[in-house]
PDB file of N, CA and C in Angstrom:
ATOM      1  N   MET A   1       6.656  -8.578 -13.406  1.00  0.00           N
ATOM      2  CA  MET A   1       5.143  -9.373 -13.178  1.00  0.00           C
ATOM      3  C   MET A   1       5.124  -9.069 -11.841  1.00  0.00           C
ATOM      4  N   ALA A   2       6.751  -9.192 -10.509  1.00  0.00           N
ATOM      5  CA  ALA A   2       6.723  -8.804  -9.503  1.00  0.00           C
ATOM      6  C   ALA A   2       6.381  -7.695  -8.872  1.00  0.00           C
ATOM      7  N   ALA A   3       6.512  -6.566  -9.799  1.00  0.00           N
ATOM      8  CA  ALA A   3       6.257  -5.440  -9.613  1.00  0.00           C
ATOM      9  C   ALA A   3       4.834  -5.313  -8.885  1.00  0.00           C
ATOM     10  N   PHE A   4       3.766  -5.833 -10.647  1.00  0.00           N
ATOM     11  CA  PHE A   4       2.967  -5.627 -10.298  1.00  0.00           C
ATOM     12  C   PHE A   4       1.976  -6.650  -8.946  1.00  0.00           C
ATOM     13  N   LEU A   5       2.623  -7.860  -9.246  1.00  0.00           N
ATOM     14  CA  LEU A   5       2.608  -8.361  -7.682  1.00  0.00           C
ATOM     15  C   LEU A   5       2.251  -7.375  -6.299  1.00  0.00           C
ATOM     16  N   ALA A   6       3.629  -7.144  -6.249  1.00  0.00           N
ATOM     17  CA  ALA A   6       3.720  -6.476  -4.632  1.00  0.00           C
ATOM     18  C   ALA A   6       3.035  -4.638  -5.210  1.00  0.00           C
ATOM     19  N   GLY A   7       2.510  -4.817  -6.095  1.00  0.00           N
ATOM     20  CA  GLY A   7       1.002  -2.879  -6.477  1.00  0.00           C
ATOM     21  C   GLY A   7       0.335  -3.466  -5.953  1.00  0.00           C
ATOM     22  N   LEU A   8      -0.204  -4.735  -6.332  1.00  0.00           N
ATOM     23  CA  LEU A   8      -2.257  -5.444  -5.830  1.00  0.00           C
ATOM     24  C   LEU A   8      -1.730  -6.137  -4.373  1.00  0.00           C
ATOM     25  N   ALA A   9      -0.546  -6.436  -3.818  1.00  0.00           N
ATOM     26  CA  ALA A   9      -0.435  -6.669  -2.502  1.00  0.00           C
ATOM     27  C   ALA A   9      -0.814  -5.144  -1.897  1.00  0.00           C
ATOM     28  N   SER A  10       0.160  -4.710  -1.762  1.00  0.00           N
ATOM     29  CA  SER A  10       0.127  -3.053  -1.137  1.00  0.00           C
ATOM     30  C   SER A  10      -1.461  -2.246  -1.201  1.00  0.00           C
ATOM     31  N   VAL A  11      -2.068  -2.870  -2.629  1.00  0.00           N
ATOM     32  CA  VAL A  11      -3.671  -2.327  -2.501  1.00  0.00           C
ATOM     33  C   VAL A  11      -4.492  -2.603  -1.878  1.00  0.00           C
ATOM     34  N   ALA A  12      -3.887  -4.048  -1.406  1.00  0.00           N
ATOM     35  CA  ALA A  12      -4.950  -4.598  -0.930  1.00  0.00           C
ATOM     36  C   ALA A  12      -4.935  -4.894   0.514  1.00  0.00           C
ATOM     37  N   THR A  13      -3.583  -4.328   1.243  1.00  0.00           N
ATOM     38  CA  THR A  13      -3.717  -4.932   2.611  1.00  0.00           C
ATOM     39  C   THR A  13      -4.345  -3.981   3.499  1.00  0.00           C
ATOM     40  N   LEU A  14      -4.444  -2.645   3.262  1.00  0.00           N
ATOM     41  CA  LEU A  14      -5.216  -2.236   4.607  1.00  0.00           C
ATOM     42  C   LEU A  14      -7.129  -2.455   4.417  1.00  0.00           C
ATOM     43  N   PRO A  15      -7.248  -2.228   3.005  1.00  0.00           N
ATOM     44  CA  PRO A  15      -8.739  -3.380   3.369  1.00  0.00           C
ATOM     45  C   PRO A  15      -8.830  -4.503   3.846  1.00  0.00           C
ATOM     46  N   VAL A  16      -8.353  -5.480   3.413  1.00  0.00           N
ATOM     47  CA  VAL A  16      -8.442  -6.673   4.390  1.00  0.00           C
ATOM     48  C   VAL A  16      -8.086  -6.958   5.411  1.00  0.00           C
ATOM     49  N   ALA A  17      -7.284  -5.698   6.026  1.00  0.00           N
ATOM     50  CA  ALA A  17      -6.729  -6.121   7.357  1.00  0.00           C
ATOM     51  C   ALA A  17      -8.067  -5.248   8.013  1.00  0.00           C
ATOM     52  N   VAL A  18      -8.848  -3.940   7.501  1.00  0.00           N
ATOM     53  CA  VAL A  18     -10.228  -3.731   8.197  1.00  0.00           C
ATOM     54  C   VAL A  18     -10.837  -5.024   7.931  1.00  0.00           C
ATOM     55  N   TYR A  19     -11.230  -5.001   6.906  1.00  0.00           N
ATOM     56  CA  TYR A  19     -12.060  -6.577   6.683  1.00  0.00           C
ATOM     57  C   TYR A  19     -12.212  -7.934   7.506  1.00  0.00           C
ATOM     58  N   LEU A  20     -11.144  -7.813   7.738  1.00  0.00           N
ATOM     59  CA  LEU A  20     -10.294  -9.213   9.072  1.00  0.00           C
ATOM     60  C   LEU A  20     -10.823  -8.715  10.025  1.00  0.00           C
ATOM     61  N   THR A  21     -11.211  -7.494  10.382  1.00  0.00           N
ATOM     62  CA  THR A  21     -11.260  -7.291  11.752  1.00  0.00           C
ATOM     63  C   THR A  21     -12.741  -7.469  12.040  1.00  0.00           C
ATOM     64  N   ARG A  22     -13.634  -7.361  10.827  1.00  0.00           N
ATOM     65  CA  ARG A  22     -15.155  -7.490  11.224  1.00  0.00           C
ATOM     66  C   ARG A  22     -15.569  -8.992  11.809  1.00  0.00           C
ATOM     67  N   PHE A  23     -15.175 -10.110  11.668  1.00  0.00           N
ATOM     68  CA  PHE A  23     -15.001 -11.393  11.934  1.00  0.00           C
ATOM     69  C   PHE A  23     -14.369 -11.745  13.128  1.00  0.00           C
ATOM     70  N   SER A  24     -13.519 -11.480  14.354  1.00  0.00           N
ATOM     71  CA  SER A  24     -12.335 -11.543  15.747  1.00  0.00           C
ATOM     72  C   SER A  24     -13.271 -10.379  16.390  1.00  0.00           C
ATOM     73  N   ASP A  25     -13.502 -11.419  17.371  1.00  0.00           N
ATOM     74  CA  ASP A  25     -13.720 -11.028  18.675  1.00  0.00           C
ATOM     75  C   ASP A  25     -13.026 -10.055  18.930  1.00  0.00           C
ATOM     76  N   ARG A  26     -11.248 -10.538  19.175  1.00  0.00           N
ATOM     77  CA  ARG A  26     -10.123 -10.270  19.707  1.00  0.00           C
ATOM     78  C   ARG A  26      -9.861  -8.717  19.076  1.00  0.00           C
ATOM     79  N   TYR A  27     -10.031  -8.164  18.156  1.00  0.00           N
ATOM     80  CA  TYR A  27      -9.454  -7.444  17.286  1.00  0.00           C
ATOM     81  C   TYR A  27     -10.632  -6.567  17.056  1.00  0.00           C
ATOM     82  N   GLU A  28      -9.896  -5.446  17.062  1.00  0.00           N
ATOM     83  CA  GLU A  28     -10.445  -4.113  16.572  1.00  0.00           C
ATOM     84  C   GLU A  28      -9.948  -3.386  15.241  1.00  0.00           C
ATOM     85  N   LEU A  29     -10.853  -2.242  14.689  1.00  0.00           N
ATOM     86  CA  LEU A  29     -10.691  -1.559  13.969  1.00  0.00           C
ATOM     87  C   LEU A  29      -9.187  -1.166  13.989  1.00  0.00           C
ATOM     88  N   LEU A  30      -9.198  -0.550  15.075  1.00  0.00           N
ATOM     89  CA  LEU A  30      -7.690   0.439  15.558  1.00  0.00           C
ATOM     90  C   LEU A  30      -6.671  -0.666  14.658  1.00  0.00           C
ATOM     91  N   HIS A  31      -6.909  -2.067  15.679  1.00  0.00           N
ATOM     92  CA  HIS A  31      -5.953  -2.770  15.455  1.00  0.00           C
ATOM     93  C   HIS A  31      -5.295  -3.235  13.191  1.00  0.00           C
ATOM     94  N   ALA A  32      -6.295  -2.653  13.086  1.00  0.00           N
ATOM     95  CA  ALA A  32      -5.995  -2.549  11.695  1.00  0.00           C
ATOM     96  C   ALA A  32      -4.888  -1.745  10.948  1.00  0.00           C
ATOM     97  N   GLY A  33      -3.831  -0.760  11.864  1.00  0.00           N
ATOM     98  CA  GLY A  33      -3.663   0.341  11.907  1.00  0.00           C
ATOM     99  C   GLY A  33      -1.791  -0.450  11.786  1.00  0.00           C
ATOM    100  N   PHE A  34      -2.113  -1.793  12.085  1.00  0.00           N
ATOM    101  CA  PHE A  34      -0.489  -1.889  11.997  1.00  0.00           C
ATOM    102  C   PHE A  34      -0.475  -2.762  10.792  1.00  0.00           C
ATOM    103  N   ALA A  35      -1.468  -3.010  10.015  1.00  0.00           N
ATOM    104  CA  ALA A  35      -1.281  -3.160   8.695  1.00  0.00           C
ATOM    105  C   ALA A  35      -0.419  -2.123   8.033  1.00  0.00           C
ATOM    106  N   ILE A  36      -0.095  -0.802   7.787  1.00  0.00           N
ATOM    107  CA  ILE A  36       0.106  -0.042   7.480  1.00  0.00           C
ATOM    108  C   ILE A  36       1.676  -0.018   7.450  1.00  0.00           C
ATOM    109  N   PRO A  37       2.430  -0.130   7.567  1.00  0.00           N
ATOM    110  CA  PRO A  37       3.654  -0.416   7.614  1.00  0.00           C
ATOM    111  C   PRO A  37       3.367  -1.147   6.670  1.00  0.00           C
ATOM    112  N   LEU A  38       3.170  -2.478   6.409  1.00  0.00           N
ATOM    113  CA  LEU A  38       3.034  -3.451   5.655  1.00  0.00           C
ATOM    114  C   LEU A  38       2.823  -3.149   3.890  1.00  0.00           C
ATOM    115  N   GLY A  39       1.324  -2.056   3.957  1.00  0.00           N
ATOM    116  CA  GLY A  39       1.125  -1.496   2.744  1.00  0.00           C
ATOM    117  C   GLY A  39       2.144  -0.752   2.490  1.00  0.00           C
ATOM    118  N   LEU A  40       2.714  -0.133   2.857  1.00  0.00           N
ATOM    119  CA  LEU A  40       3.337   1.586   2.494  1.00  0.00           C
ATOM    120  C   LEU A  40       4.962   0.540   2.320  1.00  0.00           C
ATOM    121  N   GLY A  41       5.236  -0.349   2.567  1.00  0.00           N
ATOM    122  CA  GLY A  41       6.561  -1.621   2.427  1.00  0.00           C
ATOM    123  C   GLY A  41       6.391  -1.992   0.959  1.00  0.00           C
ATOM    124  N   LEU A  42       5.228  -2.855   1.055  1.00  0.00           N
ATOM    125  CA  LEU A  42       4.674  -3.414  -0.629  1.00  0.00           C
ATOM    126  C   LEU A  42       4.722  -2.428  -1.060  1.00  0.00           C
ATOM    127  N   GLY A  43       4.632  -1.063  -1.175  1.00  0.00           N
ATOM    128  CA  GLY A  43       4.526  -0.069  -2.548  1.00  0.00           C
ATOM    129  C   GLY A  43       5.167   0.878  -2.783  1.00  0.00           C
ATOM    130  N   ALA A  44       6.300   0.514  -2.200  1.00  0.00           N
ATOM    131  CA  ALA A  44       7.434   0.882  -1.663  1.00  0.00           C
ATOM    132  C   ALA A  44       8.365   0.383  -2.709  1.00  0.00           C
ATOM    133  N   LEU A  45       8.234  -1.246  -3.243  1.00  0.00           N
ATOM    134  CA  LEU A  45       9.062  -2.138  -2.805  1.00  0.00           C
ATOM    135  C   LEU A  45       8.588  -2.041  -4.264  1.00  0.00           C
ATOM    136  N   ALA A  46       6.656  -1.974  -4.810  1.00  0.00           N
ATOM    137  CA  ALA A  46       6.353  -1.839  -6.176  1.00  0.00           C
ATOM    138  C   ALA A  46       7.189  -1.220  -7.123  1.00  0.00           C
ATOM    139  N   LEU A  47       7.414   0.050  -6.604  1.00  0.00           N
ATOM    140  CA  LEU A  47       7.498   1.325  -7.103  1.00  0.00           C
ATOM    141  C   LEU A  47       9.264   1.057  -7.529  1.00  0.00           C
ATOM    142  N   ALA A  48       9.710   0.844  -6.668  1.00  0.00           N
ATOM    143  CA  ALA A  48      11.092   0.419  -7.181  1.00  0.00           C
ATOM    144  C   ALA A  48      11.721  -0.683  -8.153  1.00  0.00           C
ATOM    145  N   LEU A  49      10.502  -1.857  -8.204  1.00  0.00           N
ATOM    146  CA  LEU A  49      10.320  -2.858  -9.277  1.00  0.00           C
ATOM    147  C   LEU A  49      10.408  -2.481 -10.924  1.00  0.00           C
ATOM    148  N   THR A  50       9.233  -1.730 -10.599  1.00  0.00           N
ATOM    149  CA  THR A  50       8.385  -0.758 -11.853  1.00  0.00           C
ATOM    150  C   THR A  50       9.891  -0.258 -12.066  1.00  0.00           C
ATOM    151  N   HIS A  51      10.274   0.929 -11.671  1.00  0.00           N
ATOM    152  CA  HIS A  51      11.551   1.819 -11.834  1.00  0.00           C
ATOM    153  C   HIS A  51      12.784   0.759 -11.995  1.00  0.00           C
ATOM    154  N   ARG A  52      12.850  -0.124 -11.865  1.00  0.00           N
ATOM    155  CA  ARG A  52      14.000  -1.064 -12.441  1.00  0.00           C
ATOM    156  C   ARG A  52      13.817  -1.831 -13.871  1.00  0.00           C
ATOM    157  N   ALA A  53      12.172  -2.362 -13.862  1.00  0.00           N
ATOM    158  CA  ALA A  53      11.642  -3.121 -14.655  1.00  0.00           C
ATOM    159  C   ALA A  53      11.737  -1.663 -16.401  1.00  0.00           C
ATOM    160  N   ARG A  54      11.821  -0.610 -16.004  1.00  0.00           N
ATOM    161  CA  ARG A  54      11.909   0.448 -16.870  1.00  0.00           C
ATOM    162  C   ARG A  54      12.856   0.680 -17.210  1.00  0.00           C
ATOM    163  N   ARG A  55      13.770   0.364 -16.100  1.00  0.00           N
ATOM    164  CA  ARG A  55      15.116   0.572 -16.631  1.00  0.00           C
ATOM    165  C   ARG A  55      15.678  -0.402 -17.505  1.00  0.00           C
ATOM    166  N   LEU A  56      15.782  -1.404 -16.997  1.00  0.00           N
ATOM    167  CA  LEU A  56      15.545  -2.794 -18.041  1.00  0.00           C
ATOM    168  C   LEU A  56      15.097  -2.333 -19.705  1.00  0.00           C
ATOM    169  N   GLY A  57      13.978  -1.899 -19.611  1.00  0.00           N
ATOM    170  CA  GLY A  57      13.187  -1.989 -20.477  1.00  0.00           C
ATOM    171  C   GLY A  57      13.726  -1.215 -21.655  1.00  0.00           C
ATOM    172  N   ALA A  58      14.247   0.020 -20.979  1.00  0.00           N
ATOM    173  CA  ALA A  58      15.589   0.995 -21.899  1.00  0.00           C
ATOM    174  C   ALA A  58      16.458   0.838 -22.548  1.00  0.00           C
ATOM    175  N   LEU A  59      17.300  -0.333 -22.008  1.00  0.00           N
ATOM    176  CA  LEU A  59      17.909  -1.224 -22.838  1.00  0.00           C
ATOM    177  C   LEU A  59      17.930  -2.010 -23.827  1.00  0.00           C
ATOM    178  N   ARG A  60      17.005  -2.981 -23.386  1.00  0.00           N
ATOM    179  CA  ARG A  60      16.223  -3.253 -24.749  1.00  0.00           C
ATOM    180  C   ARG A  60      16.111  -2.714 -26.055  1.00  0.00           C
ATOM    181  N   VAL A  61      16.774  -3.790 -27.727  1.00  0.00           N
ATOM    182  CA  VAL A  61      17.001  -3.136 -28.418  1.00  0.00           C
ATOM    183  C   VAL A  61      15.042  -3.159 -29.192  1.00  0.00           C
ATOM    184  N   GLY A  62      14.400  -4.541 -28.974  1.00  0.00           N
ATOM    185  CA  GLY A  62      13.295  -4.917 -29.044  1.00  0.00           C
ATOM    186  C   GLY A  62      12.254  -4.261 -28.023  1.00  0.00           C
ATOM    187  N   ARG A  63      10.716  -4.180 -28.484  1.00  0.00           N
ATOM    188  CA  ARG A  63       9.567  -4.027 -27.561  1.00  0.00           C
ATOM    189  C   ARG A  63       9.261  -5.317 -26.794  1.00  0.00           C
ATOM    190  N   ASP A  64       9.217  -5.138 -25.266  1.00  0.00           N
ATOM    191  CA  ASP A  64       9.033  -6.236 -24.250  1.00  0.00           C
ATOM    192  C   ASP A  64       8.029  -7.133 -24.486  1.00  0.00           C
ATOM    193  N   GLY A  65       6.895  -6.043 -24.727  1.00  0.00           N
ATOM    194  CA  GLY A  65       5.128  -6.197 -24.957  1.00  0.00           C
ATOM    195  C   GLY A  65       4.886  -5.964 -23.323  1.00  0.00           C
ATOM    196  N   ARG A  66       5.364  -5.722 -22.462  1.00  0.00           N
ATOM    197  CA  ARG A  66       4.916  -5.861 -20.863  1.00  0.00           C
ATOM    198  C   ARG A  66       5.287  -4.273 -20.164  1.00  0.00           C
ATOM    199  N   SER A  67       5.378  -3.214 -20.950  1.00  0.00           N
ATOM    200  CA  SER A  67       5.150  -2.242 -20.640  1.00  0.00           C
ATOM    201  C   SER A  67       3.938  -1.508 -20.164  1.00  0.00           C
ATOM    202  N   GLY A  68       2.865  -1.604 -20.806  1.00  0.00           N
ATOM    203  CA  GLY A  68       1.458  -2.231 -20.157  1.00  0.00           C
ATOM    204  C   GLY A  68       1.222  -1.853 -18.789  1.00  0.00           C
ATOM    205  N   LEU A  69       1.790  -3.320 -18.188  1.00  0.00           N
ATOM    206  CA  LEU A  69       2.101  -4.355 -17.030  1.00  0.00           C
ATOM    207  C   LEU A  69       2.315  -3.356 -16.583  1.00  0.00           C
ATOM    208  N   VAL A  70       3.897  -3.192 -16.761  1.00  0.00           N
ATOM    209  CA  VAL A  70       4.506  -1.866 -15.802  1.00  0.00           C
ATOM    210  C   VAL A  70       3.991  -0.829 -15.298  1.00  0.00           C
ATOM    211  N   ARG A  71       3.789  -0.129 -16.202  1.00  0.00           N
ATOM    212  CA  ARG A  71       2.716   1.351 -15.819  1.00  0.00           C
ATOM    213  C   ARG A  71       1.718   0.630 -15.341  1.00  0.00           C
ATOM    214  N   VAL A  72       1.041  -0.470 -14.901  1.00  0.00           N
ATOM    215  CA  VAL A  72      -0.142  -0.462 -14.146  1.00  0.00           C
ATOM    216  C   VAL A  72       0.453  -0.924 -12.710  1.00  0.00           C
ATOM    217  N   ALA A  73       1.205  -1.485 -12.475  1.00  0.00           N
ATOM    218  CA  ALA A  73       1.923  -1.899 -11.637  1.00  0.00           C
ATOM    219  C   ALA A  73       2.512  -0.291 -11.134  1.00  0.00           C
ATOM    220  N   GLY A  74       3.043   0.403 -11.463  1.00  0.00           N
ATOM    221  CA  GLY A  74       3.703   1.978 -10.800  1.00  0.00           C
ATOM    222  C   GLY A  74       2.455   2.263 -10.646  1.00  0.00           C
ATOM    223  N   VAL A  75       1.381   2.446 -10.874  1.00  0.00           N
ATOM    224  CA  VAL A  75      -0.080   3.375 -10.904  1.00  0.00           C
ATOM    225  C   VAL A  75      -0.369   2.655  -9.576  1.00  0.00           C
ATOM    226  N   LEU A  76      -0.567   1.285  -8.993  1.00  0.00           N
ATOM    227  CA  LEU A  76      -1.043   0.033  -7.823  1.00  0.00           C
ATOM    228  C   LEU A  76       0.098   0.567  -6.734  1.00  0.00           C
ATOM    229  N   GLY A  77       1.428   0.894  -7.201  1.00  0.00           N
ATOM    230  CA  GLY A  77       2.520   1.117  -6.269  1.00  0.00           C
ATOM    231  C   GLY A  77       2.127   2.767  -5.811  1.00  0.00           C
ATOM    232  N   ILE A  78       1.930   2.865  -6.041  1.00  0.00           N
ATOM    233  CA  ILE A  78       1.670   4.790  -5.902  1.00  0.00           C
ATOM    234  C   ILE A  78      -0.172   4.909  -5.186  1.00  0.00           C
ATOM    235  N   ALA A  79      -0.745   4.220  -5.334  1.00  0.00           N
ATOM    236  CA  ALA A  79      -2.285   3.832  -5.298  1.00  0.00           C
ATOM    237  C   ALA A  79      -2.127   3.148  -3.505  1.00  0.00           C
ATOM    238  N   GLY A  80      -0.964   2.194  -3.845  1.00  0.00           N
ATOM    239  CA  GLY A  80      -0.563   1.375  -2.442  1.00  0.00           C
ATOM    240  C   GLY A  80      -0.002   2.512  -1.226  1.00  0.00           C
ATOM    241  N   VAL A  81       1.086   2.967  -1.544  1.00  0.00           N
ATOM    242  CA  VAL A  81       1.475   3.805  -0.519  1.00  0.00           C
ATOM    243  C   VAL A  81       0.373   5.377  -0.157  1.00  0.00           C
ATOM    244  N   CYS A  82      -0.334   5.223  -1.850  1.00  0.00           N
ATOM    245  CA  CYS A  82      -1.234   6.178  -0.988  1.00  0.00           C
ATOM    246  C   CYS A  82      -2.263   6.048   0.275  1.00  0.00           C
ATOM    247  N   LEU A  83      -2.615   5.235   0.307  1.00  0.00           N
ATOM    248  CA  LEU A  83      -3.803   4.907   1.124  1.00  0.00           C
ATOM    249  C   LEU A  83      -2.972   4.258   2.546  1.00  0.00           C
ATOM    250  N   ALA A  84      -1.850   3.842   1.754  1.00  0.00           N
ATOM    251  CA  ALA A  84      -0.776   3.506   3.652  1.00  0.00           C
ATOM    252  C   ALA A  84      -0.790   5.450   4.529  1.00  0.00           C
ATOM    253  N   LEU A  85      -0.604   5.576   3.760  1.00  0.00           N
ATOM    254  CA  LEU A  85      -0.296   7.759   3.697  1.00  0.00           C
ATOM    255  C   LEU A  85      -1.904   7.489   4.308  1.00  0.00           C
ATOM    256  N   ALA A  86      -2.616   7.455   3.604  1.00  0.00           N
ATOM    257  CA  ALA A  86      -4.341   8.232   4.487  1.00  0.00           C
ATOM    258  C   ALA A  86      -4.718   7.190   5.520  1.00  0.00           C
ATOM    259  N   GLY A  87      -4.519   6.049   5.741  1.00  0.00           N
ATOM    260  CA  GLY A  87      -4.712   5.380   7.074  1.00  0.00           C
ATOM    261  C   GLY A  87      -3.726   5.944   8.197  1.00  0.00           C
ATOM    262  N   LEU A  88      -2.512   6.058   7.732  1.00  0.00           N
ATOM    263  CA  LEU A  88      -1.647   6.907   9.026  1.00  0.00           C
ATOM    264  C   LEU A  88      -1.878   8.482   9.290  1.00  0.00           C
ATOM    265  N   VAL A  89      -2.563   9.277   8.329  1.00  0.00           N
ATOM    266  CA  VAL A  89      -3.567  10.439   8.992  1.00  0.00           C
ATOM    267  C   VAL A  89      -4.384   9.807   9.300  1.00  0.00           C
ATOM    268  N   ALA A  90      -5.425   8.898   8.908  1.00  0.00           N
ATOM    269  CA  ALA A  90      -6.602   8.580   9.408  1.00  0.00           C
ATOM    270  C   ALA A  90      -5.948   7.975  11.332  1.00  0.00           C
ATOM    271  N   LEU A  91      -5.071   6.837  11.618  1.00  0.00           N
ATOM    272  CA  LEU A  91      -4.364   7.234  13.368  1.00  0.00           C
ATOM    273  C   LEU A  91      -4.285   8.277  13.581  1.00  0.00           C
ATOM    274  N   GLY A  92      -3.114   9.064  13.317  1.00  0.00           N
ATOM    275  CA  GLY A  92      -3.254  10.324  13.683  1.00  0.00           C
ATOM    276  C   GLY A  92      -3.964  10.894  14.279  1.00  0.00           C
ATOM    277  N   VAL A  93      -5.552  11.814  13.194  1.00  0.00           N
ATOM    278  CA  VAL A  93      -6.276  12.112  13.957  1.00  0.00           C
ATOM    279  C   VAL A  93      -7.270  11.652  14.660  1.00  0.00           C
ATOM    280  N   TYR A  94      -7.034  10.011  14.552  1.00  0.00           N
ATOM    281  CA  TYR A  94      -8.149   9.487  15.722  1.00  0.00           C
ATOM    282  C   TYR A  94      -7.134   9.500  17.544  1.00  0.00           C
ATOM    283  N   GLY A  95      -5.747   9.171  17.231  1.00  0.00           N
ATOM    284  CA  GLY A  95      -4.900   9.697  17.978  1.00  0.00           C
ATOM    285  C   GLY A  95      -4.912  10.936  19.108  1.00  0.00           C
ATOM    286  N   LEU A  96      -4.741  12.221  17.831  1.00  0.00           N
ATOM    287  CA  LEU A  96      -5.249  13.748  18.684  1.00  0.00           C
ATOM    288  C   LEU A  96      -6.361  13.534  19.408  1.00  0.00           C
ATOM    289  N   LEU A  97      -7.790  13.178  18.881  1.00  0.00           N
ATOM    290  CA  LEU A  97      -9.102  13.323  18.976  1.00  0.00           C
ATOM    291  C   LEU A  97      -9.049  12.535  20.506  1.00  0.00           C
ATOM    292  N   GLU A  98      -8.495  11.046  20.689  1.00  0.00           N
ATOM    293  CA  GLU A  98      -8.126  10.789  21.949  1.00  0.00           C
ATOM    294  C   GLU A  98      -7.476  11.242  22.792  1.00  0.00           C
ATOM    295  N   TYR A  99      -6.317  12.709  22.548  1.00  0.00           N
ATOM    296  CA  TYR A  99      -6.129  13.205  23.549  1.00  0.00           C
ATOM    297  C   TYR A  99      -6.407  14.646  23.847  1.00  0.00           C
ATOM    298  N   VAL A 100      -6.998  15.058  22.931  1.00  0.00           N
ATOM    299  CA  VAL A 100      -8.366  16.281  23.414  1.00  0.00           C
ATOM    300  C   VAL A 100      -9.414  15.925  23.887  1.00  0.00           C
ATOM    301  N   GLY A 101      -9.757  15.191  24.173  1.00  0.00           N
ATOM    302  CA  GLY A 101     -10.809  14.140  24.383  1.00  0.00           C
ATOM    303  C   GLY A 101     -10.948  13.782  25.584  1.00  0.00           C
ATOM    304  N   SER A 102      -9.602  13.401  26.367  1.00  0.00           N
ATOM    305  CA  SER A 102      -8.990  12.664  27.668  1.00  0.00           C
ATOM    306  C   SER A 102      -8.658  13.942  28.500  1.00  0.00           C
ATOM    307  N   ARG A 103      -8.421  14.854  27.797  1.00  0.00           N
ATOM    308  CA  ARG A 103      -8.195  16.416  28.524  1.00  0.00           C
ATOM    309  C   ARG A 103      -9.056  17.230  28.988  1.00  0.00           C
ATOM    310  N   GLU A 104      -9.897  16.677  28.747  1.00  0.00           N
ATOM    311  CA  GLU A 104     -11.542  17.597  29.036  1.00  0.00           C
ATOM    312  C   GLU A 104     -12.112  16.891  30.350  1.00  0.00           C
TER     313      GLU A 104
END
């Protein structure tokens, strides 16, 4: 269950950060980039907890009935990491365009 919650939080971190910038006068869209490490960390945590849950599930004799939840947690963890990496690429492209634009 912890892996599922960490995966869900990792997927929600960046969209919520972007959404919250719409209601603040002090923060702009670029400031939502500070949520990237949090999303990446939560995604990595979800993947680590998923791996641990699968390893512990393999040691049990009977089926736990939570293998579907573990699978969903792994998918959410991967999606959270991918969202964070996409945000990182977007910030990199923005920085490159700002650099090129300031040279002219």
